[in-house]
N, C-alpha and C. Protein backbone atom coordinates (compact mmCIF):
# COMPACT_ATOMS: atom_id res chain seq x y z
N MET A 1 1.52 -8.38 -23.03
CA MET A 1 1.15 -8.67 -21.65
C MET A 1 2.04 -9.78 -21.11
N ALA A 2 2.34 -9.73 -19.86
CA ALA A 2 3.20 -10.74 -19.24
C ALA A 2 2.48 -12.07 -19.13
N GLN A 3 3.22 -13.15 -19.27
CA GLN A 3 2.64 -14.47 -19.07
C GLN A 3 2.32 -14.62 -17.60
N ALA A 4 1.25 -15.38 -17.30
CA ALA A 4 0.80 -15.53 -15.92
C ALA A 4 1.88 -16.10 -15.01
N ASN A 5 2.74 -16.97 -15.54
CA ASN A 5 3.73 -17.61 -14.69
C ASN A 5 5.03 -16.84 -14.59
N GLN A 6 5.16 -15.71 -15.26
CA GLN A 6 6.38 -14.92 -15.18
C GLN A 6 6.19 -13.78 -14.19
N HIS A 7 7.03 -13.77 -13.17
CA HIS A 7 7.01 -12.68 -12.20
C HIS A 7 8.45 -12.30 -11.92
N GLY A 8 8.69 -11.01 -11.85
CA GLY A 8 10.03 -10.53 -11.56
C GLY A 8 10.60 -9.76 -12.73
N VAL A 9 11.91 -9.67 -12.77
CA VAL A 9 12.59 -8.91 -13.82
C VAL A 9 12.79 -9.83 -15.02
N VAL A 10 12.35 -9.37 -16.20
CA VAL A 10 12.45 -10.16 -17.43
C VAL A 10 13.00 -9.28 -18.55
N PHE A 11 13.47 -9.92 -19.60
CA PHE A 11 13.96 -9.19 -20.76
C PHE A 11 12.77 -8.60 -21.52
N PRO A 12 13.00 -7.51 -22.25
CA PRO A 12 11.89 -6.89 -23.00
C PRO A 12 11.46 -7.77 -24.17
N GLN A 13 10.20 -7.59 -24.57
CA GLN A 13 9.67 -8.33 -25.71
C GLN A 13 9.96 -7.59 -27.01
N THR A 14 10.23 -8.36 -28.04
CA THR A 14 10.36 -7.80 -29.38
C THR A 14 8.95 -7.71 -29.98
N PRO A 15 8.80 -7.05 -31.11
CA PRO A 15 7.46 -6.93 -31.71
C PRO A 15 6.78 -8.29 -31.96
N ASP A 16 7.55 -9.36 -32.16
CA ASP A 16 6.93 -10.67 -32.40
C ASP A 16 6.63 -11.42 -31.09
N GLY A 17 6.84 -10.76 -29.93
CA GLY A 17 6.47 -11.36 -28.65
C GLY A 17 7.57 -12.15 -27.95
N ARG A 18 8.73 -12.32 -28.59
CA ARG A 18 9.83 -13.04 -27.94
C ARG A 18 10.56 -12.11 -26.99
N ARG A 19 11.24 -12.66 -26.01
CA ARG A 19 12.08 -11.88 -25.11
C ARG A 19 13.51 -12.08 -25.60
N SER A 20 14.12 -11.02 -26.06
CA SER A 20 15.38 -11.12 -26.78
C SER A 20 16.55 -10.48 -26.02
N THR A 21 17.54 -11.29 -25.67
CA THR A 21 18.76 -10.76 -25.07
C THR A 21 19.58 -10.02 -26.12
N THR A 22 19.49 -10.44 -27.37
CA THR A 22 20.23 -9.79 -28.45
C THR A 22 19.75 -8.35 -28.64
N ALA A 23 18.45 -8.16 -28.73
CA ALA A 23 17.90 -6.81 -28.91
C ALA A 23 18.26 -5.94 -27.71
N LEU A 24 18.20 -6.51 -26.52
CA LEU A 24 18.56 -5.75 -25.33
C LEU A 24 20.03 -5.33 -25.39
N GLY A 25 20.91 -6.27 -25.68
CA GLY A 25 22.34 -5.97 -25.73
C GLY A 25 22.68 -4.89 -26.73
N ARG A 26 22.14 -5.02 -27.93
CA ARG A 26 22.39 -4.01 -28.97
C ARG A 26 21.93 -2.64 -28.51
N GLY A 27 20.73 -2.59 -27.97
CA GLY A 27 20.17 -1.30 -27.55
C GLY A 27 20.92 -0.66 -26.40
N VAL A 28 21.29 -1.46 -25.42
CA VAL A 28 21.99 -0.92 -24.24
C VAL A 28 23.38 -0.42 -24.63
N VAL A 29 24.11 -1.20 -25.42
CA VAL A 29 25.44 -0.76 -25.83
C VAL A 29 25.34 0.50 -26.69
N ALA A 30 24.35 0.55 -27.57
CA ALA A 30 24.18 1.74 -28.41
C ALA A 30 23.92 2.97 -27.54
N GLU A 31 23.04 2.85 -26.55
CA GLU A 31 22.75 3.99 -25.69
C GLU A 31 23.95 4.36 -24.83
N ALA A 32 24.72 3.38 -24.40
CA ALA A 32 25.92 3.66 -23.61
C ALA A 32 26.91 4.49 -24.43
N LEU A 33 27.01 4.20 -25.70
CA LEU A 33 27.96 4.88 -26.58
C LEU A 33 27.45 6.21 -27.13
N ARG A 34 26.15 6.40 -27.18
CA ARG A 34 25.55 7.48 -27.96
C ARG A 34 26.17 8.86 -27.74
N SER A 35 26.40 9.28 -26.51
CA SER A 35 26.89 10.65 -26.28
C SER A 35 28.40 10.79 -26.47
N VAL A 36 29.13 9.69 -26.39
CA VAL A 36 30.60 9.75 -26.47
C VAL A 36 31.11 9.29 -27.83
N ASP A 37 30.42 8.33 -28.43
CA ASP A 37 30.85 7.74 -29.71
C ASP A 37 29.62 7.44 -30.56
N PRO A 38 29.03 8.46 -31.20
CA PRO A 38 27.81 8.25 -31.98
C PRO A 38 27.98 7.24 -33.12
N VAL A 39 29.16 7.20 -33.72
CA VAL A 39 29.41 6.23 -34.79
C VAL A 39 29.38 4.81 -34.22
N GLY A 40 29.98 4.63 -33.06
CA GLY A 40 29.95 3.32 -32.40
C GLY A 40 28.54 2.93 -32.00
N ALA A 41 27.74 3.91 -31.57
CA ALA A 41 26.35 3.64 -31.21
C ALA A 41 25.57 3.13 -32.42
N ARG A 42 25.78 3.80 -33.55
CA ARG A 42 25.09 3.38 -34.78
C ARG A 42 25.54 1.99 -35.21
N ALA A 43 26.84 1.71 -35.07
CA ALA A 43 27.35 0.38 -35.44
C ALA A 43 26.74 -0.71 -34.57
N ALA A 44 26.59 -0.44 -33.29
CA ALA A 44 25.97 -1.43 -32.39
C ALA A 44 24.51 -1.65 -32.77
N GLU A 45 23.78 -0.57 -33.03
CA GLU A 45 22.37 -0.68 -33.40
C GLU A 45 22.17 -1.49 -34.68
N GLN A 46 23.09 -1.34 -35.62
CA GLN A 46 22.93 -1.96 -36.93
C GLN A 46 23.62 -3.31 -37.05
N GLU A 47 24.25 -3.78 -35.98
CA GLU A 47 24.97 -5.06 -36.02
C GLU A 47 23.99 -6.21 -36.28
N THR A 48 24.19 -6.93 -37.37
CA THR A 48 23.30 -8.05 -37.71
C THR A 48 23.81 -9.38 -37.15
N GLY A 49 25.07 -9.44 -36.80
CA GLY A 49 25.63 -10.67 -36.25
C GLY A 49 26.00 -10.52 -34.79
N TRP A 50 25.08 -9.98 -33.99
CA TRP A 50 25.37 -9.63 -32.61
C TRP A 50 25.97 -10.78 -31.81
N ARG A 51 25.43 -11.97 -31.95
CA ARG A 51 25.90 -13.10 -31.13
C ARG A 51 27.38 -13.42 -31.34
N SER A 52 27.91 -13.12 -32.50
CA SER A 52 29.33 -13.39 -32.73
C SER A 52 30.17 -12.12 -32.71
N ALA A 53 29.55 -10.95 -32.74
CA ALA A 53 30.32 -9.70 -32.84
C ALA A 53 30.16 -8.77 -31.64
N TYR A 54 29.39 -9.19 -30.63
CA TYR A 54 29.12 -8.28 -29.52
C TYR A 54 30.38 -7.87 -28.74
N VAL A 55 31.37 -8.74 -28.70
CA VAL A 55 32.58 -8.43 -27.93
C VAL A 55 33.23 -7.14 -28.44
N GLY A 56 33.28 -6.97 -29.74
CA GLY A 56 33.87 -5.75 -30.30
C GLY A 56 33.12 -4.51 -29.89
N HIS A 57 31.80 -4.59 -29.79
CA HIS A 57 31.00 -3.43 -29.39
C HIS A 57 31.18 -3.13 -27.91
N PHE A 58 31.28 -4.17 -27.08
CA PHE A 58 31.55 -3.95 -25.65
C PHE A 58 32.95 -3.36 -25.47
N ARG A 59 33.90 -3.83 -26.27
CA ARG A 59 35.25 -3.27 -26.21
C ARG A 59 35.22 -1.79 -26.58
N ARG A 60 34.46 -1.48 -27.62
CA ARG A 60 34.36 -0.08 -28.04
C ARG A 60 33.76 0.78 -26.93
N ALA A 61 32.76 0.25 -26.21
CA ALA A 61 32.17 1.00 -25.09
C ALA A 61 33.20 1.21 -23.98
N LEU A 62 33.97 0.19 -23.69
CA LEU A 62 35.02 0.31 -22.69
C LEU A 62 36.04 1.38 -23.10
N GLU A 63 36.50 1.29 -24.35
CA GLU A 63 37.49 2.24 -24.84
C GLU A 63 36.93 3.67 -24.90
N ALA A 64 35.64 3.80 -25.19
CA ALA A 64 35.04 5.13 -25.26
C ALA A 64 35.07 5.83 -23.90
N GLY A 65 35.05 5.07 -22.84
CA GLY A 65 35.08 5.65 -21.51
C GLY A 65 36.46 5.93 -20.97
N LEU A 66 37.49 5.59 -21.72
CA LEU A 66 38.86 5.77 -21.23
C LEU A 66 39.39 7.19 -21.40
N GLY A 67 38.74 8.00 -22.23
CA GLY A 67 39.25 9.34 -22.53
C GLY A 67 39.26 10.28 -21.35
N SER A 68 38.24 10.20 -20.52
CA SER A 68 38.14 11.11 -19.37
C SER A 68 37.14 10.54 -18.38
N ARG A 69 37.15 11.12 -17.21
CA ARG A 69 36.17 10.71 -16.20
C ARG A 69 34.75 10.98 -16.71
N ALA A 70 34.57 12.12 -17.36
CA ALA A 70 33.25 12.48 -17.89
C ALA A 70 32.79 11.46 -18.93
N ASP A 71 33.71 11.02 -19.79
CA ASP A 71 33.35 10.00 -20.80
C ASP A 71 32.96 8.69 -20.11
N ALA A 72 33.73 8.28 -19.11
CA ALA A 72 33.43 7.04 -18.40
C ALA A 72 32.05 7.12 -17.75
N LEU A 73 31.75 8.24 -17.11
CA LEU A 73 30.44 8.40 -16.47
C LEU A 73 29.32 8.46 -17.50
N ALA A 74 29.57 9.07 -18.65
CA ALA A 74 28.55 9.13 -19.71
C ALA A 74 28.24 7.74 -20.25
N VAL A 75 29.27 6.94 -20.49
CA VAL A 75 29.06 5.58 -21.00
C VAL A 75 28.31 4.75 -19.96
N ALA A 76 28.77 4.80 -18.71
CA ALA A 76 28.11 4.02 -17.66
C ALA A 76 26.68 4.49 -17.43
N GLY A 77 26.48 5.81 -17.38
CA GLY A 77 25.15 6.35 -17.15
C GLY A 77 24.19 6.04 -18.29
N GLY A 78 24.69 6.15 -19.53
CA GLY A 78 23.85 5.84 -20.68
C GLY A 78 23.43 4.39 -20.70
N GLY A 79 24.37 3.50 -20.39
CA GLY A 79 24.04 2.07 -20.36
C GLY A 79 23.07 1.73 -19.24
N LEU A 80 23.29 2.29 -18.06
CA LEU A 80 22.41 2.01 -16.93
C LEU A 80 21.00 2.55 -17.18
N ALA A 81 20.91 3.76 -17.73
CA ALA A 81 19.60 4.33 -18.05
C ALA A 81 18.87 3.46 -19.08
N ALA A 82 19.62 2.96 -20.07
CA ALA A 82 19.01 2.10 -21.09
C ALA A 82 18.49 0.80 -20.47
N LEU A 83 19.24 0.24 -19.54
CA LEU A 83 18.76 -0.98 -18.86
C LEU A 83 17.49 -0.70 -18.07
N HIS A 84 17.46 0.41 -17.34
CA HIS A 84 16.26 0.75 -16.56
C HIS A 84 15.05 0.97 -17.47
N ASP A 85 15.28 1.56 -18.64
CA ASP A 85 14.17 1.79 -19.57
C ASP A 85 13.69 0.52 -20.25
N ARG A 86 14.62 -0.40 -20.56
CA ARG A 86 14.28 -1.57 -21.37
C ARG A 86 13.87 -2.80 -20.57
N MET A 87 14.55 -3.06 -19.45
CA MET A 87 14.21 -4.24 -18.66
C MET A 87 12.80 -4.08 -18.10
N ARG A 88 12.12 -5.19 -17.94
CA ARG A 88 10.73 -5.17 -17.54
C ARG A 88 10.55 -5.87 -16.20
N VAL A 89 9.53 -5.46 -15.46
CA VAL A 89 9.15 -6.13 -14.22
C VAL A 89 7.72 -6.61 -14.42
N THR A 90 7.52 -7.92 -14.21
CA THR A 90 6.18 -8.48 -14.38
C THR A 90 5.63 -8.88 -13.02
N SER A 91 4.33 -8.73 -12.89
CA SER A 91 3.63 -9.12 -11.66
C SER A 91 2.19 -9.40 -12.03
N ASP A 92 1.39 -9.75 -11.05
CA ASP A 92 -0.04 -9.99 -11.31
C ASP A 92 -0.72 -8.72 -11.83
N ALA A 93 -0.13 -7.56 -11.52
CA ALA A 93 -0.71 -6.29 -11.96
C ALA A 93 -0.34 -5.95 -13.39
N GLY A 94 0.55 -6.70 -14.02
CA GLY A 94 0.95 -6.41 -15.39
C GLY A 94 2.45 -6.27 -15.51
N GLU A 95 2.87 -5.44 -16.45
CA GLU A 95 4.29 -5.29 -16.74
C GLU A 95 4.63 -3.81 -16.85
N CYS A 96 5.79 -3.44 -16.35
CA CYS A 96 6.25 -2.06 -16.47
C CYS A 96 7.77 -2.08 -16.61
N SER A 97 8.34 -0.92 -16.96
CA SER A 97 9.79 -0.84 -17.07
C SER A 97 10.39 -0.86 -15.67
N LEU A 98 11.63 -1.26 -15.59
CA LEU A 98 12.33 -1.25 -14.31
C LEU A 98 12.38 0.17 -13.75
N ARG A 99 12.47 1.18 -14.66
CA ARG A 99 12.49 2.58 -14.21
C ARG A 99 11.19 2.95 -13.51
N ASP A 100 10.08 2.41 -13.97
CA ASP A 100 8.77 2.76 -13.42
C ASP A 100 8.35 1.88 -12.24
N TRP A 101 9.22 1.00 -11.83
CA TRP A 101 8.88 0.11 -10.72
C TRP A 101 9.44 0.66 -9.43
N PRO A 102 8.84 0.53 -8.30
CA PRO A 102 7.58 -0.17 -8.09
C PRO A 102 6.39 0.72 -8.47
N PRO A 103 5.33 0.08 -8.96
CA PRO A 103 4.13 0.86 -9.29
C PRO A 103 3.53 1.45 -8.01
N ARG A 104 2.72 2.47 -8.18
CA ARG A 104 2.09 3.11 -7.01
C ARG A 104 1.40 2.06 -6.15
N GLY A 105 1.76 2.03 -4.90
CA GLY A 105 1.16 1.07 -3.97
C GLY A 105 1.81 -0.30 -4.02
N GLY A 106 2.78 -0.49 -4.92
CA GLY A 106 3.43 -1.79 -5.04
C GLY A 106 4.54 -1.94 -4.01
N PRO A 107 5.09 -3.12 -3.92
CA PRO A 107 6.14 -3.35 -2.94
C PRO A 107 7.42 -2.59 -3.30
N ALA A 108 8.04 -2.01 -2.33
CA ALA A 108 9.29 -1.28 -2.55
C ALA A 108 10.47 -2.22 -2.35
N LEU A 109 11.61 -1.84 -2.93
CA LEU A 109 12.82 -2.62 -2.72
C LEU A 109 13.31 -2.42 -1.29
N GLU A 110 13.90 -3.45 -0.75
CA GLU A 110 14.50 -3.35 0.57
C GLU A 110 15.97 -3.72 0.45
N ALA A 111 16.80 -3.05 1.21
CA ALA A 111 18.23 -3.37 1.23
C ALA A 111 18.51 -4.36 2.35
N THR A 112 19.37 -5.30 2.07
CA THR A 112 19.78 -6.27 3.07
C THR A 112 21.28 -6.40 3.01
N GLU A 113 21.92 -6.38 4.15
CA GLU A 113 23.36 -6.55 4.22
C GLU A 113 23.65 -7.93 4.81
N ILE A 114 24.46 -8.68 4.11
CA ILE A 114 24.85 -10.01 4.58
C ILE A 114 26.35 -9.98 4.83
N THR A 115 26.74 -10.28 6.04
CA THR A 115 28.15 -10.28 6.39
C THR A 115 28.65 -11.72 6.39
N GLY A 116 29.64 -11.98 5.57
CA GLY A 116 30.20 -13.32 5.49
C GLY A 116 31.06 -13.66 6.70
N THR A 117 31.24 -14.94 6.90
CA THR A 117 32.05 -15.40 8.02
C THR A 117 33.27 -16.18 7.55
N GLY A 118 33.39 -16.39 6.25
CA GLY A 118 34.51 -17.16 5.71
C GLY A 118 35.79 -16.33 5.68
N GLU A 119 36.88 -17.02 5.47
CA GLU A 119 38.17 -16.35 5.38
C GLU A 119 38.29 -15.66 4.02
N ARG A 120 38.72 -14.42 4.01
CA ARG A 120 38.87 -13.64 2.79
C ARG A 120 40.07 -14.16 2.00
N GLU A 121 39.87 -14.34 0.70
CA GLU A 121 40.98 -14.77 -0.16
C GLU A 121 41.70 -13.54 -0.68
N ALA A 122 43.02 -13.60 -0.73
CA ALA A 122 43.84 -12.47 -1.16
C ALA A 122 44.19 -12.54 -2.64
N GLU A 123 43.87 -13.67 -3.29
CA GLU A 123 44.17 -13.81 -4.72
C GLU A 123 43.01 -14.53 -5.39
N LEU A 124 42.95 -14.38 -6.71
CA LEU A 124 41.93 -15.06 -7.48
C LEU A 124 42.15 -16.56 -7.41
N SER A 125 41.08 -17.29 -7.13
CA SER A 125 41.15 -18.75 -7.20
C SER A 125 39.85 -19.24 -7.82
N LEU A 126 39.96 -20.34 -8.54
CA LEU A 126 38.79 -20.92 -9.21
C LEU A 126 38.61 -22.35 -8.74
N PRO A 127 37.40 -22.68 -8.30
CA PRO A 127 37.16 -24.09 -7.95
C PRO A 127 37.10 -24.92 -9.23
N TYR A 128 37.82 -26.03 -9.24
CA TYR A 128 37.82 -26.90 -10.42
C TYR A 128 38.08 -28.33 -9.99
N ARG A 129 37.08 -29.18 -10.20
CA ARG A 129 37.19 -30.61 -9.92
C ARG A 129 37.79 -30.91 -8.55
N GLY A 130 37.23 -30.28 -7.53
CA GLY A 130 37.63 -30.57 -6.16
C GLY A 130 38.86 -29.85 -5.67
N GLU A 131 39.48 -29.02 -6.48
CA GLU A 131 40.64 -28.25 -6.03
C GLU A 131 40.43 -26.78 -6.35
N ARG A 132 41.32 -25.92 -5.86
CA ARG A 132 41.27 -24.50 -6.15
C ARG A 132 42.47 -24.15 -7.01
N LEU A 133 42.22 -23.66 -8.20
CA LEU A 133 43.30 -23.24 -9.09
C LEU A 133 43.69 -21.82 -8.76
N ARG A 134 45.00 -21.57 -8.71
CA ARG A 134 45.53 -20.23 -8.42
C ARG A 134 46.70 -19.95 -9.35
N GLY A 135 46.97 -18.67 -9.58
CA GLY A 135 48.17 -18.24 -10.30
C GLY A 135 48.46 -19.04 -11.55
N ASP A 136 49.67 -19.67 -11.58
CA ASP A 136 50.09 -20.45 -12.75
C ASP A 136 49.18 -21.63 -13.01
N GLY A 137 48.53 -22.15 -11.97
CA GLY A 137 47.60 -23.26 -12.16
C GLY A 137 46.43 -22.86 -13.05
N ILE A 138 45.95 -21.64 -12.88
CA ILE A 138 44.87 -21.14 -13.75
C ILE A 138 45.40 -21.00 -15.17
N ARG A 139 46.58 -20.39 -15.32
CA ARG A 139 47.15 -20.20 -16.65
C ARG A 139 47.34 -21.53 -17.36
N ARG A 140 47.89 -22.53 -16.66
CA ARG A 140 48.11 -23.84 -17.29
C ARG A 140 46.79 -24.50 -17.69
N ARG A 141 45.78 -24.39 -16.85
CA ARG A 141 44.48 -25.00 -17.14
C ARG A 141 43.87 -24.34 -18.38
N VAL A 142 43.91 -23.02 -18.45
CA VAL A 142 43.33 -22.32 -19.61
C VAL A 142 44.11 -22.66 -20.87
N GLU A 143 45.43 -22.70 -20.80
CA GLU A 143 46.23 -23.09 -21.97
C GLU A 143 45.87 -24.50 -22.42
N ASP A 144 45.65 -25.40 -21.48
CA ASP A 144 45.25 -26.77 -21.83
C ASP A 144 43.89 -26.77 -22.53
N TRP A 145 42.95 -25.98 -22.01
CA TRP A 145 41.63 -25.91 -22.64
C TRP A 145 41.73 -25.38 -24.07
N VAL A 146 42.56 -24.36 -24.28
CA VAL A 146 42.74 -23.79 -25.63
C VAL A 146 43.35 -24.84 -26.54
N THR A 147 44.38 -25.54 -26.06
CA THR A 147 45.06 -26.57 -26.86
C THR A 147 44.09 -27.67 -27.27
N ARG A 148 43.20 -28.06 -26.35
CA ARG A 148 42.24 -29.13 -26.63
C ARG A 148 40.98 -28.63 -27.32
N GLY A 149 40.87 -27.32 -27.56
CA GLY A 149 39.71 -26.79 -28.25
C GLY A 149 38.49 -26.62 -27.37
N VAL A 150 38.67 -26.72 -26.05
CA VAL A 150 37.56 -26.53 -25.10
C VAL A 150 37.20 -25.04 -25.01
N ALA A 151 38.22 -24.19 -25.10
CA ALA A 151 38.05 -22.75 -25.06
C ALA A 151 38.78 -22.15 -26.25
N GLU A 152 38.37 -20.93 -26.61
CA GLU A 152 39.03 -20.24 -27.71
C GLU A 152 39.95 -19.17 -27.15
N PRO A 153 41.07 -18.94 -27.81
CA PRO A 153 41.96 -17.86 -27.35
C PRO A 153 41.28 -16.51 -27.54
N THR A 154 41.67 -15.52 -26.75
CA THR A 154 41.11 -14.19 -26.92
C THR A 154 41.63 -13.59 -28.22
N LEU A 155 40.89 -12.60 -28.69
CA LEU A 155 41.26 -11.94 -29.95
C LEU A 155 42.43 -11.03 -29.77
């Protein structure tokens, strides 16, 4: 049962009552892979070191979708369906899956469009300590972080 103070979209509970992002990640990636790469799906499900190994499983899901448009749609559709089935919505009325929300008579989702008024940026920029890093500035900052051990290099 949902805690009285939790309302909205929450992670699913494990059998011991915790809300686990690890269990969700493993399950969603496994379902995303299931129809295109069953071996990869099984590997994701059985991963015991998810917090340190999840990147490889996400990479495998990305690569599994590169073979064809159908594969890409299968991976995306499987992952999205798994999220709808696993994520939970809590309210005073209880808890249900995101797929089953809104409950009969419950509030429906509404779409809202917000039009920005700021100037559109044509390149990636990152705010950092009062300035905007762009291009080589981003590369130099990341290299500095790696050198100082603030960030790790990619695999």
